[in-house]
Amino acid sequence: MPVSLLTPIAADLRISEGQAGWSIAVSGLFALLTSLSLASLTGRLDRKILLLGLTLLMMVSGTIAAFAPNYPVFMMGRAFIGVAMGGFWSMSAATAMRLVPEHDVPRALAIVNGGNALATVIAAPLGSFLGGLVGWRFAFFAIVPVAAIAFCWKLVSLPRMPPAAGSRSVNAFALLKQPPVALGLAAVSLFFMGQFALFTYVRPFLEMVTHVAPGTLSILLLVVGIAGFAGTALIGRFLHDGLLTTLAVIPAAMVVISVALALFGASLWVTALLLAAWGLVATAAPVGWWTWLARTLPRDAEAGGGLMVAVVQLAITLGATLGGVLFDRSGYQATFALSAFLLAAASGLALWMRRLEFGDRPPEAHATRQHQRHAGLSRRRA
């Protein structure tokens, strides 16, 4: 939500827009720390209680951010939301696996990602609208009743979930010794750095370059969200047999979009189309990377998922921070150029992984290919 409220936050707290963007970086940093340490710190705690505690922390975060008298207190509120966010996402795959039968786990994870995409549709334009109507502080306080509803829903619907025997948190870093995992997580890191280096500062760009009014800004952010939800629904058609090809094309398309925004950002209609295209591909990409993780680490998905969350949050932190520094010192052109460079590198790594066939085909495709080779060899022998 801070993406849609950077300008009024900066004005009210008397900070630069780049510093306001660091509120996303600090939440990412604390999400990173939480994803790496939560399992070991709460090893014997019922996972239902832990999820309820994280939801309460979200309510505390919204309250602190809404009533923050200065920048440090506001950042403390953002740190709390980072803990809640990192804890939830690091537990999401493991929770889904415990709530449904094994054959329904992929569908459950798709629903989780679909919920995130739907939230993206709503949160940014609604935050911008509320910020313009009643101020950014009330927009942040609106988190509290939403979290309260989520708390009551979990309290009633979730069963008790005692911790599973043993912990995989220690083994997560050992996964980096596998070349496919190391290359894949490097590509994930570059992708999210590039995405958030640009998108974190899209509101100041729209106000300074495109000169949009608050109402138009909300509409543009809504367009991005709707396009992202559509992309999440459509990407599955491209992932079955061409996963890494898709994951290479997406950042390459975002490179073109970022350059085009820098060149044609003064045109409202061109900017609207470009942002819609950005939302379409950028929001769909995480679904592809989670699919890659499931194919690459079918027996270590929980450990790999925690590592993925940590890498993504670190990338968001670095991308938002570097983008803010360049935005303040050299303008949006430098920020967009950084984004394009990082996204191009992510696309190149995905193409390299495709060449090495690191997780590009589903398991049944590998089995079919191997069967065809053996059949061909048998025919030649006959």
Protein backbone atom coordinates (compact mmCIF):
# COMPACT_ATOMS: atom_id res chain seq x y z
CA MET A 1 0.00 0.00 0.00
CA PRO A 2 2.79 2.57 0.55
CA VAL A 3 3.37 2.53 -3.22
CA SER A 4 0.13 4.48 -3.67
CA LEU A 5 0.77 6.86 -0.75
CA LEU A 6 4.44 7.84 -0.99
CA THR A 7 3.84 11.49 -1.85
CA PRO A 8 1.49 12.39 1.05
CA ILE A 9 3.57 10.33 3.51
CA ALA A 10 6.70 12.23 2.50
CA ALA A 11 4.95 15.61 2.77
CA ASP A 12 3.40 14.92 6.19
CA LEU A 13 6.51 13.42 7.78
CA ARG A 14 8.79 16.00 6.12
CA ILE A 15 10.98 13.45 4.36
CA SER A 16 11.90 12.82 0.73
CA GLU A 17 9.89 10.47 -1.46
CA GLY A 18 12.92 8.20 -1.61
CA GLN A 19 12.95 7.97 2.18
CA ALA A 20 9.23 7.23 2.14
CA GLY A 21 9.96 4.40 -0.28
CA TRP A 22 12.30 2.90 2.31
CA SER A 23 9.18 2.03 4.32
CA ILE A 24 8.79 -0.82 1.84
CA ALA A 25 12.46 -1.69 2.20
CA VAL A 26 12.28 -1.92 5.99
CA SER A 27 9.23 -4.17 5.87
CA GLY A 28 11.09 -6.38 3.41
CA LEU A 29 14.13 -6.50 5.66
CA PHE A 30 12.13 -7.63 8.68
CA ALA A 31 10.20 -10.11 6.55
CA LEU A 32 13.57 -11.54 5.49
CA LEU A 33 14.78 -11.90 9.07
CA THR A 34 11.49 -13.45 10.15
CA SER A 35 11.37 -16.01 7.35
CA LEU A 36 14.85 -17.26 8.30
CA SER A 37 14.30 -17.42 12.07
CA LEU A 38 10.60 -18.00 12.76
CA ALA A 39 10.65 -21.81 12.64
CA SER A 40 13.55 -22.12 15.07
CA LEU A 41 12.14 -19.50 17.46
CA THR A 42 8.65 -21.02 17.57
CA GLY A 43 9.46 -24.70 17.18
CA ARG A 44 6.92 -26.01 19.72
CA LEU A 45 4.17 -23.47 19.21
CA ASP A 46 0.89 -24.50 17.63
CA ARG A 47 0.87 -23.07 14.10
CA LYS A 48 -2.71 -21.85 14.50
CA ILE A 49 -1.67 -19.74 17.48
CA LEU A 50 1.32 -18.46 15.53
CA LEU A 51 -0.85 -17.38 12.59
CA LEU A 52 -3.26 -15.64 14.96
CA GLY A 53 -0.33 -13.86 16.63
CA LEU A 54 0.98 -12.64 13.29
CA THR A 55 -2.48 -11.29 12.47
CA LEU A 56 -2.57 -9.38 15.77
CA LEU A 57 0.84 -7.96 14.92
CA MET A 58 -0.59 -6.70 11.65
CA MET A 59 -3.24 -4.79 13.62
CA VAL A 60 -0.53 -3.29 15.83
CA SER A 61 1.43 -2.27 12.73
CA GLY A 62 -1.51 -0.47 11.15
CA THR A 63 -2.22 1.40 14.38
CA ILE A 64 1.39 2.53 14.86
CA ALA A 65 1.77 3.64 11.23
CA ALA A 66 -1.50 5.55 11.31
CA PHE A 67 -0.68 7.55 14.44
CA ALA A 68 3.10 7.86 13.97
CA PRO A 69 4.24 11.35 15.02
CA ASN A 70 7.53 11.08 13.13
CA TYR A 71 9.52 9.04 10.64
CA PRO A 72 11.22 6.60 13.08
CA VAL A 73 7.90 5.60 14.67
CA PHE A 74 6.35 5.14 11.23
CA MET A 75 9.24 2.88 10.24
CA MET A 76 8.71 0.85 13.43
CA GLY A 77 5.13 0.21 12.33
CA ARG A 78 6.40 -0.87 8.93
CA ALA A 79 8.89 -3.22 10.63
CA PHE A 80 6.01 -4.94 12.42
CA ILE A 81 4.13 -5.49 9.18
CA GLY A 82 7.34 -7.00 7.78
CA VAL A 83 7.43 -9.54 10.62
CA ALA A 84 3.78 -10.44 10.01
CA MET A 85 4.27 -10.68 6.25
CA GLY A 86 7.48 -12.72 6.42
CA GLY A 87 5.96 -15.09 8.95
CA PHE A 88 2.82 -15.66 6.91
CA TRP A 89 4.56 -16.26 3.59
CA SER A 90 7.24 -18.53 5.05
CA MET A 91 4.45 -20.67 6.54
CA SER A 92 2.01 -20.52 3.62
CA ALA A 93 3.17 -23.62 1.75
CA ALA A 94 3.54 -25.73 4.89
CA THR A 95 0.12 -24.63 6.13
CA ALA A 96 -1.55 -25.47 2.82
CA MET A 97 0.06 -28.91 2.87
CA ARG A 98 -1.36 -29.59 6.34
CA LEU A 99 -4.88 -28.39 5.55
CA VAL A 100 -5.62 -30.36 2.37
CA PRO A 101 -4.86 -33.83 0.94
CA GLU A 102 -1.61 -34.19 -0.95
CA HIS A 103 -3.25 -34.20 -4.38
CA ASP A 104 -4.93 -30.85 -3.62
CA VAL A 105 -1.76 -29.01 -2.50
CA PRO A 106 -1.02 -27.39 -5.92
CA ARG A 107 -4.59 -26.12 -6.08
CA ALA A 108 -4.37 -24.79 -2.53
CA LEU A 109 -1.14 -22.93 -3.31
CA ALA A 110 -2.75 -21.50 -6.45
CA ILE A 111 -5.61 -20.17 -4.32
CA VAL A 112 -3.11 -18.53 -1.95
CA ASN A 113 -1.36 -16.82 -4.87
CA GLY A 114 -4.71 -15.90 -6.38
CA GLY A 115 -5.67 -14.23 -3.10
CA ASN A 116 -2.47 -12.22 -3.23
CA ALA A 117 -3.23 -11.12 -6.79
CA LEU A 118 -6.78 -10.14 -5.81
CA ALA A 119 -5.42 -8.14 -2.88
CA THR A 120 -3.11 -6.35 -5.33
CA VAL A 121 -6.14 -5.36 -7.39
CA ILE A 122 -7.80 -3.81 -4.36
CA ALA A 123 -5.07 -2.48 -2.07
CA ALA A 124 -3.11 0.05 -4.15
CA PRO A 125 -6.05 1.90 -5.77
CA LEU A 126 -8.10 1.73 -2.56
CA GLY A 127 -5.14 3.09 -0.58
CA SER A 128 -4.74 5.92 -3.08
CA PHE A 129 -8.48 6.66 -2.99
CA LEU A 130 -8.67 6.67 0.81
CA GLY A 131 -5.47 8.72 1.01
CA GLY A 132 -6.99 11.39 -1.21
CA LEU A 133 -10.35 11.26 0.57
CA VAL A 134 -9.46 11.12 4.28
CA GLY A 135 -5.64 11.13 4.36
CA TRP A 136 -2.90 8.51 4.28
CA ARG A 137 -3.11 7.88 8.04
CA PHE A 138 -6.70 6.64 7.85
CA ALA A 139 -5.69 4.48 4.88
CA PHE A 140 -3.11 2.74 7.06
CA PHE A 141 -5.55 2.42 9.96
CA ALA A 142 -7.97 0.66 7.59
CA ILE A 143 -5.62 -2.33 7.89
CA VAL A 144 -6.85 -2.85 11.46
CA PRO A 145 -10.48 -3.88 10.80
CA VAL A 146 -9.40 -6.00 7.82
CA ALA A 147 -6.89 -7.83 10.01
CA ALA A 148 -9.54 -8.21 12.73
CA ILE A 149 -11.84 -9.96 10.25
CA ALA A 150 -8.97 -12.23 9.20
CA PHE A 151 -8.22 -12.99 12.86
CA CYS A 152 -11.81 -14.06 13.58
CA TRP A 153 -11.93 -16.12 10.37
CA LYS A 154 -8.76 -18.03 11.27
CA LEU A 155 -9.86 -18.48 14.87
CA VAL A 156 -13.07 -20.21 13.77
CA SER A 157 -11.91 -22.09 10.67
CA LEU A 158 -8.38 -23.32 11.32
CA PRO A 159 -7.82 -26.61 13.17
CA ARG A 160 -5.08 -27.05 15.73
CA MET A 161 -1.75 -27.50 13.96
CA PRO A 162 0.93 -28.76 16.36
CA PRO A 163 4.42 -28.42 14.88
CA ALA A 164 5.68 -31.29 12.80
CA ALA A 165 8.55 -33.29 14.20
CA GLY A 166 11.94 -31.84 13.28
CA SER A 167 12.81 -28.63 11.52
CA ARG A 168 14.18 -28.02 8.02
CA SER A 169 15.38 -24.48 8.67
CA VAL A 170 18.98 -25.60 9.11
CA ASN A 171 18.95 -27.45 5.79
CA ALA A 172 17.59 -24.53 3.78
CA PHE A 173 21.00 -22.94 3.12
CA ALA A 174 22.43 -26.31 2.09
CA LEU A 175 20.05 -26.23 -0.87
CA LEU A 176 22.17 -23.45 -2.37
CA LYS A 177 24.89 -26.01 -3.06
CA GLN A 178 22.69 -27.38 -5.86
CA PRO A 179 23.41 -25.44 -9.09
CA PRO A 180 19.76 -25.34 -10.25
CA VAL A 181 18.66 -23.88 -6.92
CA ALA A 182 21.47 -21.33 -6.77
CA LEU A 183 20.85 -20.12 -10.34
CA GLY A 184 17.09 -20.05 -9.88
CA LEU A 185 17.22 -18.04 -6.68
CA ALA A 186 19.70 -15.64 -8.28
CA ALA A 187 17.22 -15.09 -11.10
CA VAL A 188 14.38 -14.63 -8.60
CA SER A 189 16.46 -12.07 -6.70
CA LEU A 190 17.28 -10.05 -9.81
CA PHE A 191 13.67 -10.13 -10.95
CA PHE A 192 12.22 -8.78 -7.71
CA MET A 193 14.98 -6.19 -7.34
CA GLY A 194 14.20 -4.90 -10.82
CA GLN A 195 10.45 -4.95 -10.29
CA PHE A 196 10.44 -3.03 -7.02
CA ALA A 197 13.21 -0.62 -8.01
CA LEU A 198 10.71 0.78 -10.50
CA PHE A 199 7.22 0.08 -9.18
CA THR A 200 7.90 1.45 -5.69
CA TYR A 201 8.24 4.92 -7.22
CA VAL A 202 5.49 4.73 -9.83
CA ARG A 203 3.28 7.27 -8.00
CA PRO A 204 5.92 10.06 -7.91
CA PHE A 205 6.64 9.28 -11.57
CA LEU A 206 2.96 9.57 -12.52
CA GLU A 207 2.60 12.83 -10.63
CA MET A 208 5.79 14.48 -11.88
CA VAL A 209 5.95 13.19 -15.46
CA THR A 210 2.43 12.14 -16.47
CA HIS A 211 0.82 14.85 -14.26
CA VAL A 212 -2.13 12.72 -13.18
CA ALA A 213 -4.76 13.86 -10.66
CA PRO A 214 -5.45 11.75 -7.53
CA GLY A 215 -8.59 10.26 -9.05
CA THR A 216 -6.78 9.28 -12.23
CA LEU A 217 -3.95 7.82 -10.16
CA SER A 218 -6.39 5.50 -8.39
CA ILE A 219 -7.80 4.38 -11.74
CA LEU A 220 -4.32 3.65 -13.12
CA LEU A 221 -3.39 1.60 -10.07
CA LEU A 222 -6.67 -0.28 -10.39
CA VAL A 223 -5.84 -1.04 -14.02
CA VAL A 224 -2.47 -2.44 -12.93
CA GLY A 225 -4.17 -4.62 -10.33
CA ILE A 226 -6.87 -5.94 -12.67
CA ALA A 227 -4.25 -6.74 -15.30
CA GLY A 228 -2.19 -8.52 -12.65
CA PHE A 229 -5.14 -10.65 -11.57
CA ALA A 230 -5.77 -11.56 -15.20
CA GLY A 231 -2.11 -12.46 -15.66
CA THR A 232 -2.19 -14.76 -12.64
CA ALA A 233 -5.21 -16.55 -14.08
CA LEU A 234 -3.68 -16.88 -17.56
CA ILE A 235 -0.06 -17.80 -16.86
CA GLY A 236 -0.82 -21.46 -16.10
CA ARG A 237 -1.38 -22.07 -19.80
CA PHE A 238 2.26 -21.25 -20.52
CA LEU A 239 3.97 -23.01 -17.61
CA HIS A 240 3.40 -26.69 -18.28
CA ASP A 241 5.91 -27.23 -21.10
CA GLY A 242 7.73 -23.90 -21.27
CA LEU A 243 8.25 -22.77 -17.70
CA LEU A 244 11.69 -21.17 -17.98
CA THR A 245 10.92 -19.75 -21.40
CA THR A 246 7.98 -17.94 -19.83
CA LEU A 247 10.11 -16.81 -16.89
CA ALA A 248 12.67 -15.39 -19.34
CA VAL A 249 10.10 -13.62 -21.51
CA ILE A 250 8.39 -11.89 -18.57
CA PRO A 251 11.39 -9.81 -17.36
CA ALA A 252 12.42 -9.16 -20.96
CA ALA A 253 8.96 -7.67 -21.59
CA MET A 254 9.30 -5.60 -18.42
CA VAL A 255 12.61 -4.20 -19.71
CA VAL A 256 10.81 -2.93 -22.80
CA ILE A 257 8.02 -1.49 -20.65
CA SER A 258 10.43 0.33 -18.32
CA VAL A 259 12.29 1.92 -21.23
CA ALA A 260 9.01 2.88 -22.90
CA LEU A 261 7.75 4.48 -19.67
CA ALA A 262 10.86 6.62 -19.48
CA LEU A 263 10.44 7.70 -23.11
CA PHE A 264 6.67 8.16 -23.34
CA GLY A 265 5.66 8.75 -19.71
CA ALA A 266 4.23 12.18 -20.51
CA SER A 267 1.36 10.57 -22.45
CA LEU A 268 -1.46 9.42 -20.17
CA TRP A 269 -2.89 6.82 -22.54
CA VAL A 270 0.47 5.31 -23.45
CA THR A 271 1.42 5.19 -19.78
CA ALA A 272 -1.88 3.50 -18.90
CA LEU A 273 -1.31 0.80 -21.52
CA LEU A 274 2.28 0.26 -20.40
CA LEU A 275 1.30 -0.03 -16.74
CA ALA A 276 -1.45 -2.49 -17.63
CA ALA A 277 1.13 -4.60 -19.49
CA TRP A 278 3.47 -4.34 -16.48
CA GLY A 279 0.75 -5.59 -14.13
CA LEU A 280 -0.18 -8.41 -16.50
CA VAL A 281 3.29 -9.95 -16.56
CA ALA A 282 4.85 -8.85 -13.26
CA THR A 283 2.07 -10.14 -11.01
CA ALA A 284 2.00 -13.49 -12.81
CA ALA A 285 5.73 -14.14 -12.47
CA PRO A 286 5.69 -15.34 -8.81
CA VAL A 287 3.27 -18.13 -9.78
CA GLY A 288 5.85 -19.30 -12.30
CA TRP A 289 8.71 -19.20 -9.82
CA TRP A 290 6.76 -21.17 -7.21
CA THR A 291 6.02 -23.73 -9.91
CA TRP A 292 9.72 -23.90 -10.70
CA LEU A 293 10.50 -24.44 -7.01
CA ALA A 294 8.01 -27.31 -6.77
CA ARG A 295 9.57 -28.99 -9.81
CA THR A 296 13.14 -28.44 -8.71
CA LEU A 297 12.70 -29.39 -5.04
CA PRO A 298 9.72 -31.75 -4.85
CA ARG A 299 11.03 -33.32 -1.62
CA ASP A 300 12.33 -30.09 -0.06
CA ALA A 301 9.56 -27.67 -0.97
CA GLU A 302 9.14 -26.46 2.62
CA ALA A 303 12.82 -25.67 3.13
CA GLY A 304 13.09 -24.22 -0.35
CA GLY A 305 9.97 -22.12 0.21
CA GLY A 306 11.44 -20.50 3.30
CA LEU A 307 14.63 -19.76 1.40
CA MET A 308 12.63 -18.35 -1.50
CA VAL A 309 10.74 -15.98 0.81
CA ALA A 310 14.01 -14.78 2.33
CA VAL A 311 15.56 -14.17 -1.09
CA VAL A 312 12.49 -12.33 -2.37
CA GLN A 313 12.28 -10.06 0.67
CA LEU A 314 15.99 -9.26 0.49
CA ALA A 315 15.58 -8.45 -3.19
CA ILE A 316 12.60 -6.17 -2.48
CA THR A 317 14.61 -4.41 0.23
CA LEU A 318 17.62 -3.85 -2.03
CA GLY A 319 15.53 -2.87 -5.05
CA ALA A 320 13.40 -0.34 -3.18
CA THR A 321 16.45 1.12 -1.41
CA LEU A 322 18.65 1.45 -4.50
CA GLY A 323 15.73 2.76 -6.52
CA GLY A 324 15.03 5.40 -3.87
CA VAL A 325 18.64 6.55 -3.72
CA LEU A 326 18.79 6.97 -7.50
CA PHE A 327 15.34 8.61 -7.60
CA ASP A 328 16.43 11.25 -5.10
CA ARG A 329 19.86 11.88 -6.60
CA SER A 330 19.42 11.43 -10.34
CA GLY A 331 15.71 11.29 -11.07
CA TYR A 332 13.34 8.64 -12.34
CA GLN A 333 15.42 7.97 -15.47
CA ALA A 334 18.23 6.46 -13.39
CA THR A 335 15.77 4.39 -11.35
CA PHE A 336 14.11 3.03 -14.49
CA ALA A 337 17.50 2.27 -16.05
CA LEU A 338 18.51 0.27 -12.95
CA SER A 339 15.25 -1.65 -13.15
CA ALA A 340 15.78 -2.47 -16.83
CA PHE A 341 19.34 -3.69 -16.19
CA LEU A 342 18.30 -5.99 -13.33
CA LEU A 343 15.34 -7.40 -15.24
CA ALA A 344 17.51 -8.07 -18.29
CA ALA A 345 19.95 -9.98 -16.08
CA ALA A 346 17.05 -12.03 -14.64
CA SER A 347 15.89 -12.88 -18.15
CA GLY A 348 19.40 -13.95 -19.13
CA LEU A 349 19.71 -16.28 -16.13
CA ALA A 350 16.35 -17.88 -16.91
CA LEU A 351 17.47 -18.51 -20.49
CA TRP A 352 20.71 -20.05 -19.21
CA MET A 353 18.72 -22.33 -16.89
CA ARG A 354 16.51 -23.30 -19.82
CA ARG A 355 19.57 -24.26 -21.82
CA LEU A 356 20.71 -26.44 -18.93
CA GLU A 357 17.13 -27.78 -18.50
CA PHE A 358 17.04 -26.78 -14.83
CA GLY A 359 13.38 -27.36 -13.99
CA ASP A 360 11.91 -26.39 -17.36
CA ARG A 361 9.78 -29.51 -17.82
CA PRO A 362 7.30 -31.12 -15.43
CA PRO A 363 8.31 -34.51 -13.99
CA GLU A 364 5.97 -36.42 -16.31
CA ALA A 365 7.58 -34.71 -19.32
CA HIS A 366 11.02 -35.89 -18.22
CA ALA A 367 9.66 -39.40 -17.75
CA THR A 368 8.01 -39.35 -21.18
CA ARG A 369 11.21 -38.05 -22.82
CA GLN A 370 13.26 -40.76 -21.13
CA HIS A 371 10.75 -43.42 -22.20
CA GLN A 372 10.91 -42.19 -25.80
CA ARG A 373 14.71 -42.41 -25.77
CA HIS A 374 14.62 -45.95 -24.45
CA ALA A 375 11.96 -46.89 -27.02
CA GLY A 376 14.05 -45.43 -29.85
CA LEU A 377 17.13 -47.28 -28.62
CA SER A 378 15.14 -50.55 -28.47
CA ARG A 379 13.88 -50.06 -32.02
CA ARG A 380 17.41 -49.46 -33.30
CA ARG A 381 18.68 -52.59 -31.54
CA ALA A 382 15.80 -54.61 -33.00
